[in-house]
Amino acid sequence: MITIQDTNLIVKIDPLGAQLHSLVHAGQEYLWQGDPSSWKRQAPILFPFVGRLKDDQYEYRGMTYHQTQHGFARDEMFEVVNQRANQVTLILKDNNRTRAAYPFTFELVVTYQVTNGKLSVTYQVTNPSDDQQLIYAIGAHPGFNVPLTDQERFEEMRVTVNPAKVYSQIKLIAPGPLNDLEHPQTIDFRSPLQLRHDLFNQDALILDAKEQPVTVTISDADGQHGVHVITDNNKLIGIWSPFPAKANLLCIEPWWGIADGINSDGQLTHKQLMDRLQPGQQRQYHFAIQPF
């Protein structure tokens, strides 16, 4: 494990998937530690797809490729390229395994930095190809211990969104789940959302962030302890807990992509909310996590 820290926050990162493994603030573990009976992961990086592909496959230039939910980056070993006491940078490049499922050259660089008790996360995607456009999506999937202590219950915790307003909500529909972008609904965050496990009986609640700054906060009943997930230019933010497993877990997921639509034709070039980089281009994505 890789450890970075300041006086207020200790962060551990697993090079496998460049996944967050631990967030300890004031002696308290904030990050979900994984449980195969509900959700074995902790904070996977979603790349080169966010969500599920229809039939777990897609077509590109006349070839069919198979890929499971959320892409392969979470199961690839990243290489450390730079490390200091409070910062680490890791990289994943395409290889024989990735090209079998995704016929593109790419570089995915992940930087974690701890400053004043806040963890800043930066993803940088580069297209090193000389002649091929890079088509991809990226997202984060950090899971948090909810509640933080044995003295509280999941149903006593709440989620607050700032700005506090009514957001467009993108529904997910079984099987898949697949998105229904064409028929957005609304979700009211003018006041905090009191958690219940059955809120997630149709998978994640997806807010349309419209690439504007949004902060999602999980807190206990009195608002004294919790975590802020601070986003900047996200297309979407997912809020998820496994159901019917009823784990003491909540994920706040900054996304720049989404699962296939219910009417998807399987063509990668038609897939919704995919980013594109021309040869030699790169793009950065940011969010931050701040326990309190």
Protein backbone atom coordinates (compact mmCIF):
# COMPACT_ATOMS: atom_id res chain seq x y z
CA MET A 1 0.00 0.00 0.00
CA ILE A 2 1.03 3.59 -0.64
CA THR A 3 0.55 6.09 2.19
CA ILE A 4 0.28 9.87 1.87
CA GLN A 5 -0.73 12.21 4.67
CA ASP A 6 -0.74 15.52 6.42
CA THR A 7 -1.42 16.29 10.07
CA ASN A 8 -5.21 15.87 9.59
CA LEU A 9 -5.66 13.02 7.13
CA ILE A 10 -3.93 9.70 6.40
CA VAL A 11 -4.68 8.17 2.99
CA LYS A 12 -3.71 4.74 1.67
CA ILE A 13 -3.83 3.79 -2.00
CA ASP A 14 -3.64 0.34 -3.58
CA PRO A 15 -1.62 0.28 -6.84
CA LEU A 16 -4.09 -2.35 -8.08
CA GLY A 17 -6.60 -0.09 -9.77
CA ALA A 18 -5.00 2.97 -8.11
CA GLN A 19 -7.92 2.54 -5.70
CA LEU A 20 -8.28 4.37 -2.43
CA HIS A 21 -7.90 1.89 0.42
CA SER A 22 -8.16 4.01 3.56
CA LEU A 23 -9.14 7.53 4.70
CA VAL A 24 -8.41 8.09 8.37
CA HIS A 25 -9.34 11.39 10.00
CA ALA A 26 -9.10 11.97 13.77
CA GLY A 27 -8.45 8.25 14.21
CA GLN A 28 -11.67 7.29 12.40
CA GLU A 29 -11.81 5.21 9.19
CA TYR A 30 -14.13 6.91 6.71
CA LEU A 31 -13.65 4.66 3.68
CA TRP A 32 -15.62 1.45 3.18
CA GLN A 33 -13.26 -1.49 3.71
CA GLY A 34 -14.94 -3.93 1.32
CA ASP A 35 -17.19 -6.91 2.02
CA PRO A 36 -17.82 -9.68 -0.55
CA SER A 37 -21.31 -10.24 0.89
CA SER A 38 -22.41 -6.77 -0.24
CA TRP A 39 -19.72 -4.88 -2.21
CA LYS A 40 -16.17 -6.16 -2.37
CA ARG A 41 -14.63 -2.96 -3.77
CA GLN A 42 -13.78 0.32 -2.05
CA ALA A 43 -13.26 3.18 -4.49
CA PRO A 44 -12.71 1.93 -8.04
CA ILE A 45 -11.77 4.19 -10.93
CA LEU A 46 -14.24 3.76 -13.78
CA PHE A 47 -12.46 3.73 -17.15
CA PRO A 48 -12.89 3.53 -20.13
CA PHE A 49 -16.62 3.09 -19.42
CA VAL A 50 -18.96 4.27 -16.70
CA GLY A 51 -21.78 1.86 -16.00
CA ARG A 52 -22.85 -1.17 -17.96
CA LEU A 53 -22.74 -1.81 -21.68
CA LYS A 54 -25.79 -3.39 -23.26
CA ASP A 55 -25.11 -7.16 -23.26
CA ASP A 56 -21.63 -6.31 -21.90
CA GLN A 57 -20.35 -5.59 -25.40
CA TYR A 58 -19.94 -2.88 -28.02
CA GLU A 59 -18.96 -2.55 -31.67
CA TYR A 60 -16.20 -0.41 -33.14
CA ARG A 61 -15.00 -0.41 -36.74
CA GLY A 62 -16.85 -3.64 -37.48
CA MET A 63 -15.43 -5.57 -34.51
CA THR A 64 -17.28 -6.67 -31.38
CA TYR A 65 -15.56 -6.19 -28.01
CA HIS A 66 -16.63 -7.52 -24.62
CA GLN A 67 -16.34 -5.46 -21.45
CA THR A 68 -17.96 -5.78 -18.05
CA GLN A 69 -19.45 -2.97 -16.00
CA HIS A 70 -17.31 0.12 -15.34
CA GLY A 71 -14.37 -0.91 -17.50
CA PHE A 72 -11.03 -2.53 -16.74
CA ALA A 73 -8.92 0.14 -14.99
CA ARG A 74 -10.09 -1.03 -11.56
CA ASP A 75 -8.42 -4.42 -12.16
CA GLU A 76 -5.15 -3.21 -13.71
CA MET A 77 -1.91 -2.57 -11.85
CA PHE A 78 -0.83 1.09 -11.95
CA GLU A 79 2.80 2.22 -11.79
CA VAL A 80 3.94 4.87 -9.32
CA VAL A 81 5.71 7.67 -11.20
CA ASN A 82 6.09 10.24 -8.42
CA GLN A 83 5.62 10.18 -4.65
CA ARG A 84 6.03 12.71 -1.86
CA ALA A 85 4.84 12.75 1.74
CA ASN A 86 1.45 14.21 0.82
CA GLN A 87 1.11 13.31 -2.87
CA VAL A 88 1.39 10.36 -5.23
CA THR A 89 0.96 10.03 -8.99
CA LEU A 90 0.26 6.69 -10.71
CA ILE A 91 -0.11 5.77 -14.37
CA LEU A 92 -1.79 3.09 -16.44
CA LYS A 93 -0.97 2.63 -20.11
CA ASP A 94 -2.65 0.39 -22.63
CA ASN A 95 -1.30 -3.15 -22.84
CA ASN A 96 -2.17 -6.47 -24.45
CA ARG A 97 -4.98 -7.12 -21.97
CA THR A 98 -6.61 -3.73 -22.37
CA ARG A 99 -6.34 -3.76 -26.16
CA ALA A 100 -8.21 -7.07 -26.31
CA ALA A 101 -11.25 -5.31 -24.81
CA TYR A 102 -10.60 -1.75 -25.95
CA PRO A 103 -8.63 -1.11 -29.18
CA PHE A 104 -7.09 2.24 -28.23
CA THR A 105 -3.78 3.55 -26.98
CA PHE A 106 -4.10 5.73 -23.88
CA GLU A 107 -2.43 6.99 -20.74
CA LEU A 108 -4.44 7.36 -17.54
CA VAL A 109 -2.61 9.33 -14.84
CA VAL A 110 -4.09 9.56 -11.34
CA THR A 111 -2.82 12.04 -8.74
CA TYR A 112 -3.83 12.05 -5.08
CA GLN A 113 -2.82 15.00 -2.90
CA VAL A 114 -3.59 15.69 0.75
CA THR A 115 -3.70 19.34 1.84
CA ASN A 116 -5.23 20.71 5.05
CA GLY A 117 -7.22 17.53 5.66
CA LYS A 118 -8.68 17.42 2.15
CA LEU A 119 -7.88 14.79 -0.48
CA SER A 120 -7.75 16.19 -4.02
CA VAL A 121 -8.03 13.71 -6.88
CA THR A 122 -7.03 14.42 -10.47
CA TYR A 123 -7.47 12.10 -13.44
CA GLN A 124 -5.56 12.97 -16.60
CA VAL A 125 -6.34 11.11 -19.81
CA THR A 126 -3.93 11.41 -22.75
CA ASN A 127 -4.25 10.17 -26.31
CA PRO A 128 -0.70 9.29 -27.42
CA SER A 129 -1.88 7.94 -30.79
CA ASP A 130 -0.62 9.51 -34.00
CA ASP A 131 -3.81 8.96 -35.96
CA GLN A 132 -6.71 7.57 -33.86
CA GLN A 133 -9.31 9.47 -31.86
CA LEU A 134 -9.69 8.24 -28.26
CA ILE A 135 -13.29 7.58 -27.19
CA TYR A 136 -13.82 6.98 -23.48
CA ALA A 137 -15.64 7.86 -20.27
CA ILE A 138 -14.27 8.19 -16.76
CA GLY A 139 -15.68 8.32 -13.27
CA ALA A 140 -15.04 7.71 -9.58
CA HIS A 141 -16.85 5.34 -7.21
CA PRO A 142 -15.66 6.00 -3.63
CA GLY A 143 -17.59 4.19 -0.89
CA PHE A 144 -17.90 5.52 2.65
CA ASN A 145 -18.72 3.94 6.00
CA VAL A 146 -22.29 4.97 6.75
CA PRO A 147 -22.74 5.26 9.67
CA LEU A 148 -19.26 5.99 10.96
CA THR A 149 -19.80 4.40 14.37
CA ASP A 150 -21.61 1.43 15.86
CA GLN A 151 -23.72 3.83 17.92
CA GLU A 152 -25.60 5.07 14.83
CA ARG A 153 -27.82 3.52 12.18
CA PHE A 154 -27.83 3.90 8.40
CA GLU A 155 -31.31 5.42 8.61
CA GLU A 156 -30.05 8.17 10.93
CA MET A 157 -27.64 9.49 8.30
CA ARG A 158 -28.52 12.07 5.69
CA VAL A 159 -27.28 13.42 2.37
CA THR A 160 -27.14 17.16 1.66
CA VAL A 161 -26.45 18.68 -1.75
CA ASN A 162 -25.11 22.19 -2.30
CA PRO A 163 -26.50 24.07 -4.20
CA ALA A 164 -29.72 22.98 -2.49
CA LYS A 165 -32.30 22.75 -5.29
CA VAL A 166 -34.39 20.42 -7.42
CA TYR A 167 -32.09 18.44 -9.73
CA SER A 168 -32.83 16.53 -12.89
CA GLN A 169 -32.54 12.82 -12.13
CA ILE A 170 -31.51 10.19 -14.68
CA LYS A 171 -33.27 6.91 -14.00
CA LEU A 172 -31.65 3.51 -14.37
CA ILE A 173 -33.78 0.69 -15.71
CA ALA A 174 -33.39 -3.10 -15.50
CA PRO A 175 -31.99 -5.21 -17.01
CA GLY A 176 -28.54 -3.72 -16.99
CA PRO A 177 -29.13 -1.33 -15.40
CA LEU A 178 -29.32 0.96 -18.44
CA ASN A 179 -30.03 4.69 -18.53
CA ASP A 180 -33.20 6.48 -19.57
CA LEU A 181 -31.69 9.86 -20.45
CA GLU A 182 -34.59 10.64 -22.77
CA HIS A 183 -37.06 10.77 -19.86
CA PRO A 184 -35.42 12.67 -16.98
CA GLN A 185 -37.26 13.01 -13.71
CA THR A 186 -36.53 15.25 -10.74
CA ILE A 187 -35.12 14.77 -7.25
CA ASP A 188 -35.58 17.40 -4.57
CA PHE A 189 -32.46 18.35 -2.64
CA ARG A 190 -33.78 21.63 -1.27
CA SER A 191 -33.62 19.81 2.06
CA PRO A 192 -31.44 16.88 3.19
CA LEU A 193 -32.29 13.35 2.08
CA GLN A 194 -32.80 10.97 4.98
CA LEU A 195 -31.23 7.64 4.07
CA ARG A 196 -33.16 4.40 3.68
CA HIS A 197 -31.86 1.25 2.04
CA ASP A 198 -34.88 0.97 -0.25
CA LEU A 199 -34.01 4.30 -1.87
CA PHE A 200 -31.64 2.21 -3.97
CA ASN A 201 -34.02 -0.55 -5.04
CA GLN A 202 -33.57 0.62 -8.64
CA ASP A 203 -29.82 1.13 -8.32
CA ALA A 204 -28.13 4.54 -8.11
CA LEU A 205 -29.77 7.93 -7.77
CA ILE A 206 -28.17 9.97 -10.56
CA LEU A 207 -28.11 13.76 -10.39
CA ASP A 208 -27.50 15.85 -13.50
CA ALA A 209 -24.76 18.20 -12.29
CA LYS A 210 -24.66 20.05 -15.63
CA GLU A 211 -20.87 20.43 -15.24
CA GLN A 212 -21.34 22.95 -12.43
CA PRO A 213 -19.70 22.88 -8.97
CA VAL A 214 -21.66 20.63 -6.60
CA THR A 215 -20.83 19.40 -3.09
CA VAL A 216 -22.50 16.27 -1.75
CA THR A 217 -22.27 15.76 2.01
CA ILE A 218 -22.97 12.65 4.06
CA SER A 219 -23.48 13.50 7.73
CA ASP A 220 -24.86 12.16 10.97
CA ALA A 221 -28.10 13.46 12.46
CA ASP A 222 -26.52 16.45 14.20
CA GLY A 223 -24.20 17.31 11.31
CA GLN A 224 -21.07 16.99 13.43
CA HIS A 225 -19.35 14.20 11.51
CA GLY A 226 -19.36 13.12 7.89
CA VAL A 227 -17.68 13.65 4.57
CA HIS A 228 -17.89 16.19 1.75
CA VAL A 229 -17.44 15.07 -1.86
CA ILE A 230 -16.61 18.25 -3.76
CA THR A 231 -17.07 18.22 -7.52
CA ASP A 232 -16.20 20.79 -10.12
CA ASN A 233 -17.27 19.97 -13.67
CA ASN A 234 -19.02 16.62 -13.42
CA LYS A 235 -21.69 15.69 -15.91
CA LEU A 236 -23.41 13.44 -13.36
CA ILE A 237 -23.16 12.42 -9.71
CA GLY A 238 -24.29 8.96 -8.62
CA ILE A 239 -25.47 8.15 -5.08
CA TRP A 240 -25.57 4.41 -4.42
CA SER A 241 -25.78 1.72 -1.79
CA PRO A 242 -26.22 -2.00 -2.55
CA PHE A 243 -29.78 -3.26 -2.30
CA PRO A 244 -31.12 -5.59 -0.98
CA ALA A 245 -27.79 -6.22 0.79
CA LYS A 246 -28.40 -3.31 3.21
CA ALA A 247 -24.73 -2.66 3.88
CA ASN A 248 -23.49 0.21 6.05
CA LEU A 249 -22.12 1.81 2.92
CA LEU A 250 -22.87 4.80 0.70
CA CYS A 251 -21.04 5.74 -2.49
CA ILE A 252 -20.89 9.28 -3.85
CA GLU A 253 -19.74 8.94 -7.44
CA PRO A 254 -18.51 11.80 -9.64
CA TRP A 255 -19.14 10.69 -13.23
CA TRP A 256 -18.26 12.02 -16.64
CA GLY A 257 -20.15 9.22 -18.41
CA ILE A 258 -23.07 6.84 -17.98
CA ALA A 259 -24.29 3.32 -18.73
CA ASP A 260 -25.67 2.50 -22.16
CA GLY A 261 -29.15 3.74 -22.89
CA ILE A 262 -32.14 1.43 -23.06
CA ASN A 263 -32.25 2.05 -26.83
CA SER A 264 -28.49 1.76 -27.43
CA ASP A 265 -27.48 0.25 -30.77
CA GLY A 266 -24.13 -0.94 -29.35
CA GLN A 267 -22.00 1.26 -31.60
CA LEU A 268 -19.21 2.93 -29.62
CA THR A 269 -19.35 6.02 -31.82
CA HIS A 270 -23.03 6.48 -30.89
CA LYS A 271 -22.65 5.89 -27.14
CA GLN A 272 -24.02 8.67 -24.94
CA LEU A 273 -21.82 11.01 -22.86
CA MET A 274 -18.50 9.73 -24.14
CA ASP A 275 -15.48 12.05 -24.25
CA ARG A 276 -13.22 12.26 -27.29
CA LEU A 277 -9.57 13.22 -27.56
CA GLN A 278 -7.79 13.85 -30.82
CA PRO A 279 -4.22 12.49 -31.24
CA GLY A 280 -1.82 14.22 -28.87
CA GLN A 281 -4.57 15.78 -26.72
CA GLN A 282 -5.12 15.36 -22.98
CA ARG A 283 -7.87 16.27 -20.52
CA GLN A 284 -8.09 16.54 -16.74
CA TYR A 285 -10.91 15.74 -14.32
CA HIS A 286 -11.05 16.76 -10.66
CA PHE A 287 -12.90 16.13 -7.43
CA ALA A 288 -12.07 16.20 -3.71
CA ILE A 289 -12.98 14.35 -0.51
CA GLN A 290 -12.97 16.07 2.88
CA PRO A 291 -13.87 14.15 6.06
CA PHE A 292 -15.01 16.13 9.09
